[in-house]
Amino acid sequence: MTEIDTKNSCFQCRHLFVTHDKNKRWGCRKFGFKSAILPARVVLSTSGMKCASFQNRSSGDKSTNVRSKGRFA
């Protein structure tokens, strides 16, 4: 079994969420499940492949958040 890539782990994925269930802390919105371990590990153990639905949280251009010069409305 291959190791999970730390660069593309669940912590950088937009589909990861934290639940209030103390037995199943992690959830994946894309696949619709909760788990006691990170969803990427569940996907790896069940399918034998890395998660194909990974989407980076900061998948936008950071320059769009910069305000243009001028007066505030």
Protein backbone atom coordinates (compact mmCIF):
# COMPACT_ATOMS: atom_id res chain seq x y z
CA MET A 1 0.00 0.00 0.00
CA THR A 2 1.37 3.41 -0.86
CA GLU A 3 1.73 6.23 1.62
CA ILE A 4 -0.52 9.29 1.50
CA ASP A 5 1.05 12.38 -0.03
CA THR A 6 1.34 14.96 2.76
CA LYS A 7 1.19 17.80 0.23
CA ASN A 8 -2.25 16.67 -0.99
CA SER A 9 -3.64 15.32 2.26
CA CYS A 10 -7.12 15.94 3.57
CA PHE A 11 -6.02 18.96 5.58
CA GLN A 12 -5.57 20.94 2.36
CA CYS A 13 -8.73 19.54 0.71
CA ARG A 14 -11.93 21.60 0.50
CA HIS A 15 -14.11 18.51 1.07
CA LEU A 16 -12.76 17.71 4.55
CA PHE A 17 -14.90 18.63 7.54
CA VAL A 18 -14.74 17.98 11.27
CA THR A 19 -17.75 16.31 12.87
CA HIS A 20 -19.03 16.53 16.43
CA ASP A 21 -19.15 12.76 16.74
CA LYS A 22 -16.22 11.79 18.98
CA ASN A 23 -16.02 8.31 17.43
CA LYS A 24 -15.96 9.62 13.85
CA ARG A 25 -14.10 12.94 13.85
CA TRP A 26 -13.42 13.36 10.13
CA GLY A 27 -15.79 13.58 7.18
CA CYS A 28 -15.64 13.94 3.42
CA ARG A 29 -18.32 16.02 1.70
CA LYS A 30 -17.45 14.68 -1.75
CA PHE A 31 -17.89 11.00 -0.85
CA GLY A 32 -20.45 11.62 1.91
CA PHE A 33 -19.02 9.64 4.82
CA LYS A 34 -17.60 10.09 8.32
CA SER A 35 -14.65 8.19 9.73
CA ALA A 36 -12.40 7.87 12.76
CA ILE A 37 -9.37 8.26 10.48
CA LEU A 38 -8.68 10.74 7.70
CA PRO A 39 -10.87 10.14 4.63
CA ALA A 40 -7.83 9.89 2.36
CA ARG A 41 -6.66 6.88 4.36
CA VAL A 42 -10.09 5.26 4.06
CA VAL A 43 -10.11 5.79 0.29
CA LEU A 44 -6.57 4.41 0.02
CA SER A 45 -7.39 1.32 2.08
CA THR A 46 -10.65 0.52 0.26
CA SER A 47 -9.69 1.29 -3.33
CA GLY A 48 -5.91 0.94 -3.20
CA MET A 49 -5.58 4.29 -4.99
CA LYS A 50 -5.02 7.86 -3.90
CA CYS A 51 -8.08 10.07 -3.59
CA ALA A 52 -9.05 11.34 -7.04
CA SER A 53 -11.45 13.97 -5.68
CA PHE A 54 -8.83 16.13 -3.95
CA GLN A 55 -9.40 19.86 -4.48
CA ASN A 56 -7.09 22.40 -2.91
CA ARG A 57 -8.74 24.81 -0.46
CA SER A 58 -6.89 27.80 -1.83
CA SER A 59 -7.68 27.14 -5.48
CA GLY A 60 -8.15 30.79 -6.29
CA ASP A 61 -5.89 33.57 -7.40
CA LYS A 62 -4.73 35.38 -4.27
CA SER A 63 -4.36 38.66 -6.15
CA THR A 64 -8.15 38.90 -6.50
CA ASN A 65 -8.48 39.63 -2.77
CA VAL A 66 -6.33 42.76 -3.01
CA ARG A 67 -8.40 45.92 -3.07
CA SER A 68 -7.84 48.42 -5.80
CA LYS A 69 -6.67 51.90 -4.95
CA GLY A 70 -9.43 54.37 -4.43
CA ARG A 71 -12.06 55.40 -1.94
CA PHE A 72 -14.03 52.96 0.12
CA ALA A 73 -17.72 52.93 -0.57
